[in-house]
Protein backbone atom coordinates (compact mmCIF):
# COMPACT_ATOMS: atom_id res chain seq x y z
CA UNK A 1 25.44 -40.81 32.95
CA UNK A 2 22.12 -40.16 34.74
CA UNK A 3 22.34 -38.04 37.88
CA UNK A 4 19.41 -37.24 40.20
CA UNK A 5 19.86 -34.92 43.16
CA UNK A 6 17.50 -34.20 46.09
CA UNK A 7 18.62 -30.78 47.32
CA UNK A 8 18.49 -28.32 44.40
CA UNK A 9 15.81 -26.18 46.04
CA UNK A 10 18.07 -25.48 49.02
CA UNK A 11 21.12 -24.66 46.92
CA UNK A 12 22.51 -28.17 46.22
CA UNK A 13 24.51 -27.85 49.43
CA UNK A 14 25.43 -31.53 49.60
CA UNK A 15 25.20 -32.60 45.96
CA UNK A 16 27.16 -29.71 44.37
CA UNK A 17 30.60 -31.38 44.62
CA UNK A 18 29.17 -34.56 43.11
CA UNK A 19 27.49 -32.64 40.26
CA UNK A 20 30.67 -30.73 39.40
CA UNK A 21 32.83 -33.83 39.65
CA UNK A 22 30.44 -35.82 37.43
CA UNK A 23 30.21 -33.00 34.86
CA UNK A 24 33.94 -32.91 34.21
CA UNK A 25 34.72 -34.56 30.88
CA UNK A 26 31.10 -34.85 29.76
CA UNK A 27 30.24 -33.90 26.17
CA UNK A 28 26.77 -32.51 26.96
CA UNK A 29 24.47 -31.68 29.85
CA UNK A 30 20.72 -32.23 29.60
CA UNK A 31 18.57 -30.81 32.39
CA UNK A 32 15.15 -32.30 33.15
CA UNK A 33 13.57 -29.31 34.83
CA UNK A 34 10.10 -28.57 33.49
CA UNK A 35 9.72 -26.87 30.13
CA UNK A 36 8.30 -23.35 30.06
CA UNK A 37 4.51 -23.04 29.97
CA UNK A 38 4.58 -22.84 26.17
CA UNK A 39 6.90 -25.84 25.88
CA UNK A 40 10.10 -23.89 25.27
CA UNK A 41 13.44 -25.28 26.39
CA UNK A 42 15.83 -23.29 28.60
CA UNK A 43 18.99 -22.16 26.83
CA UNK A 44 20.29 -19.88 29.57
CA UNK A 45 19.95 -19.31 33.32
CA UNK A 46 21.31 -16.41 35.32
CA UNK A 47 23.99 -17.10 37.89
CA UNK A 48 23.57 -15.91 41.45
CA UNK A 49 26.01 -14.68 44.09
CA UNK A 50 25.21 -13.88 47.71
CA UNK A 51 27.21 -11.33 49.69
CA UNK A 52 27.27 -10.23 53.30
CA UNK A 53 28.59 -6.72 54.01
CA UNK A 54 29.50 -5.99 57.63
CA UNK A 55 29.73 -2.27 58.47
CA UNK A 56 31.66 -1.31 61.59
CA UNK A 57 31.32 2.10 63.17
CA UNK A 58 31.87 3.54 66.63
CA UNK A 59 29.35 3.62 69.47
CA UNK A 60 28.57 6.78 71.42
CA UNK A 61 25.75 8.21 73.53
CA UNK A 62 23.25 9.64 71.07
CA UNK A 63 22.21 12.47 73.37
CA UNK A 64 25.38 13.44 75.26
CA UNK A 65 28.20 13.07 72.71
CA UNK A 66 26.93 11.81 69.34
CA UNK A 67 29.89 13.51 67.62
CA UNK A 68 32.16 10.86 69.10
CA UNK A 69 30.31 8.11 67.27
CA UNK A 70 30.45 6.83 63.70
CA UNK A 71 27.02 5.65 62.63
CA UNK A 72 27.19 2.26 60.89
CA UNK A 73 23.47 2.36 60.18
CA UNK A 74 23.88 5.58 58.20
CA UNK A 75 26.80 4.10 56.27
CA UNK A 76 24.67 1.03 55.54
CA UNK A 77 21.86 3.24 54.28
CA UNK A 78 24.20 4.99 51.86
CA UNK A 79 25.53 1.61 50.72
CA UNK A 80 21.99 0.35 50.15
CA UNK A 81 21.20 3.31 47.87
CA UNK A 82 24.51 3.00 46.02
CA UNK A 83 24.23 -0.75 45.46
CA UNK A 84 20.60 -0.60 44.35
CA UNK A 85 21.75 2.05 41.90
CA UNK A 86 23.81 -0.60 40.10
CA UNK A 87 20.57 -1.92 38.60
CA UNK A 88 20.29 -0.86 34.96
CA UNK A 89 24.00 -0.22 34.47
CA UNK A 90 24.54 -3.53 32.66
CA UNK A 91 22.15 -5.69 30.68
CA UNK A 92 20.84 -8.79 32.45
CA UNK A 93 22.31 -7.94 35.86
CA UNK A 94 20.17 -7.42 38.96
CA UNK A 95 21.28 -6.40 42.46
CA UNK A 96 19.04 -6.68 45.48
CA UNK A 97 19.85 -5.54 49.00
CA UNK A 98 17.40 -7.92 50.62
CA UNK A 99 18.30 -7.72 54.32
CA UNK A 100 19.56 -4.78 56.41
CA UNK A 101 20.21 -5.09 60.13
CA UNK A 102 21.62 -2.35 62.36
CA UNK A 103 21.85 -1.08 65.92
CA UNK A 104 20.81 -2.21 69.37
CA UNK A 105 19.14 0.83 71.05
CA UNK A 106 17.84 4.18 69.85
CA UNK A 107 20.02 6.13 72.32
CA UNK A 108 23.29 4.61 71.02
CA UNK A 109 25.01 5.69 67.84
CA UNK A 110 24.96 2.47 65.83
CA UNK A 111 28.29 0.63 65.95
CA UNK A 112 27.56 -2.24 63.53
CA UNK A 113 25.28 -3.00 60.62
CA UNK A 114 24.91 -5.85 58.17
CA UNK A 115 23.62 -6.06 54.60
CA UNK A 116 22.75 -9.21 52.69
CA UNK A 117 22.88 -8.79 48.92
CA UNK A 118 21.95 -11.01 45.99
CA UNK A 119 23.41 -10.52 42.52
CA UNK A 120 22.04 -12.27 39.47
CA UNK A 121 23.84 -12.07 36.11
CA UNK A 122 23.46 -13.77 32.74
CA UNK A 123 27.20 -14.00 32.13
CA UNK A 124 30.36 -14.59 34.11
CA UNK A 125 31.64 -11.20 32.91
CA UNK A 126 28.56 -9.48 34.29
CA UNK A 127 29.00 -11.24 37.62
CA UNK A 128 32.65 -10.13 37.82
CA UNK A 129 31.82 -6.49 36.97
CA UNK A 130 29.15 -6.36 39.64
CA UNK A 131 31.34 -8.01 42.26
CA UNK A 132 34.05 -5.43 41.59
CA UNK A 133 31.51 -2.63 41.91
CA UNK A 134 30.39 -3.94 45.33
CA UNK A 135 33.98 -4.01 46.54
CA UNK A 136 34.58 -0.46 45.25
CA UNK A 137 31.53 0.83 47.09
CA UNK A 138 32.58 -0.96 50.29
CA UNK A 139 36.08 0.52 50.12
CA UNK A 140 34.73 4.10 50.36
CA UNK A 141 31.96 4.26 52.97
CA UNK A 142 30.06 7.56 53.10
CA UNK A 143 30.39 8.01 56.88
CA UNK A 144 33.84 8.91 58.29
CA UNK A 145 35.05 6.47 60.90
CA UNK A 146 33.19 3.46 59.45
CA UNK A 147 34.62 0.47 57.57
CA UNK A 148 33.06 -2.27 55.47
CA UNK A 149 34.07 -5.91 55.09
CA UNK A 150 32.70 -7.85 52.09
CA UNK A 151 32.20 -11.62 52.30
CA UNK A 152 30.94 -13.64 49.34
CA UNK A 153 28.72 -16.31 50.82
CA UNK A 154 27.84 -18.31 47.73
CA UNK A 155 28.27 -18.34 43.95
CA UNK A 156 26.30 -20.36 41.41
CA UNK A 157 27.74 -19.73 37.91
CA UNK A 158 25.52 -18.61 35.06
CA UNK A 159 24.39 -21.11 32.43
CA UNK A 160 25.29 -19.01 29.40
CA UNK A 161 23.76 -19.02 25.93
CA UNK A 162 26.72 -20.21 23.89
CA UNK A 163 27.26 -21.50 20.32
CA UNK A 164 27.84 -24.98 21.75
CA UNK A 165 24.60 -24.97 23.71
CA UNK A 166 22.79 -23.63 20.64
CA UNK A 167 24.00 -26.69 18.71
CA UNK A 168 22.47 -28.92 21.39
CA UNK A 169 19.25 -26.93 21.13
CA UNK A 170 19.21 -27.37 17.33
CA UNK A 171 19.48 -31.13 17.84
CA UNK A 172 16.60 -31.02 20.33
CA UNK A 173 14.48 -29.03 17.90
CA UNK A 174 15.09 -31.62 15.19
CA UNK A 175 14.16 -34.42 17.58
CA UNK A 176 10.99 -32.57 18.61
CA UNK A 177 9.89 -32.08 15.00
CA UNK A 178 9.52 -35.87 14.65
CA UNK A 179 6.67 -35.65 17.18
CA UNK A 180 5.06 -32.50 15.81
CA UNK A 181 6.53 -30.29 18.52
CA UNK A 182 7.85 -26.80 17.77
CA UNK A 183 10.29 -25.55 20.40
CA UNK A 184 11.71 -22.18 21.26
CA UNK A 185 14.68 -21.28 23.43
CA UNK A 186 14.07 -19.27 26.60
CA UNK A 187 16.35 -17.55 29.11
CA UNK A 188 15.35 -17.38 32.77
CA UNK A 189 16.54 -15.69 35.94
CA UNK A 190 16.04 -18.82 38.00
CA UNK A 191 19.02 -21.04 38.79
CA UNK A 192 19.22 -24.83 38.86
CA UNK A 193 21.66 -27.69 38.87
CA UNK A 194 22.15 -27.12 35.15
CA UNK A 195 24.08 -23.97 36.13
CA UNK A 196 26.67 -26.13 37.90
CA UNK A 197 27.03 -28.40 34.88
CA UNK A 198 27.43 -25.43 32.53
CA UNK A 199 29.89 -23.89 34.97
CA UNK A 200 32.11 -26.92 34.45
CA UNK A 201 32.39 -25.97 30.76
CA UNK A 202 29.82 -28.45 29.46
CA UNK A 203 27.37 -27.35 26.68
CA UNK A 204 24.05 -27.52 28.55
CA UNK A 205 20.36 -27.45 27.64
CA UNK A 206 17.61 -27.43 30.28
CA UNK A 207 13.82 -27.59 30.39
CA UNK A 208 13.65 -31.00 28.77
CA UNK A 209 11.10 -32.24 31.29
CA UNK A 210 7.30 -32.09 30.94
CA UNK A 211 5.48 -28.78 30.50
CA UNK A 212 4.67 -26.96 33.73
CA UNK A 213 4.28 -23.53 35.29
CA UNK A 214 3.45 -21.25 38.24
CA UNK A 215 6.70 -22.30 39.89
CA UNK A 216 6.97 -21.95 43.68
CA UNK A 217 3.28 -21.09 44.15
CA UNK A 218 0.35 -23.05 45.58
CA UNK A 219 -0.89 -23.32 41.99
CA UNK A 220 2.25 -24.95 40.57
CA UNK A 221 1.16 -27.40 37.86
CA UNK A 222 2.40 -30.12 35.53
CA UNK A 223 0.74 -31.11 32.25
CA UNK A 224 0.84 -34.93 32.45
CA UNK A 225 -0.34 -35.20 28.83
CA UNK A 226 3.00 -33.69 27.76
CA UNK A 227 5.02 -36.50 29.38
CA UNK A 228 4.98 -39.10 26.55
CA UNK A 229 6.09 -36.68 23.83
CA UNK A 230 8.75 -35.06 25.99
CA UNK A 231 10.22 -38.43 27.02
CA UNK A 232 10.26 -39.58 23.41
CA UNK A 233 11.92 -36.33 22.32
CA UNK A 234 14.55 -36.73 25.04
CA UNK A 235 15.28 -40.28 23.94
CA UNK A 236 15.73 -39.16 20.33
CA UNK A 237 17.97 -36.31 21.43
CA UNK A 238 20.19 -38.61 23.46
CA UNK A 239 20.52 -40.98 20.48
CA UNK A 240 21.30 -38.06 18.17
CA UNK A 241 23.96 -36.55 20.44
CA UNK A 242 25.47 -39.95 21.14
CA UNK A 243 25.74 -40.71 17.43
CA UNK A 244 27.34 -37.32 16.73
CA UNK A 245 29.92 -37.64 19.51
CA UNK A 246 31.39 -34.28 20.48
CA UNK A 247 30.87 -32.64 17.09
CA UNK A 248 27.17 -31.85 17.25
């Protein structure tokens, strides 16, 4: 089955159900994103989850009776520090409070604030641990009289480095050796449609396209001279996996 999608760069908002439906029951997933700059294939991609935290406080006049207020902006500031502090607790997990919005006027104790958070994790277990930590932090805001509601906006599962995907990589390495190519296996923090295929339980290998680099910059490039060898390697890999069935 060959599947091409047009909306990966905006989160596969339309194609995701089709990708996941197509992936079910497949023996292998082969992603045609570009190889790494040195030609390596991609054996793992971090998953990503987006959260919105809404902090509710209580408004009051900041000059006349500030003690009657509950400052949501202050609670959001404490949350920001606490959540950024999750970085480094677990290997291959990153947390970024990327957007903070709060308040309407400087003479009003802030009644509402909003945080937008991105979590990236190499494994499903890491994603679950971090999600639980966010909920724990939200359940105990630092400012009395404030409350926090957590909404998970999106989740793209990690493409994990597994024994099954390593077997696919070994088959690719053997196919590449026929064309004088030596391949390594790389892990990356970027997500792609291969994450969705892997999330369906399919052994997945990515980076089987041509060699390229400087992603998402004005200098993004593609080495066209790598195309013939990479296409030939891909063809040999498909033949090898097809011949082996589900045992490779």
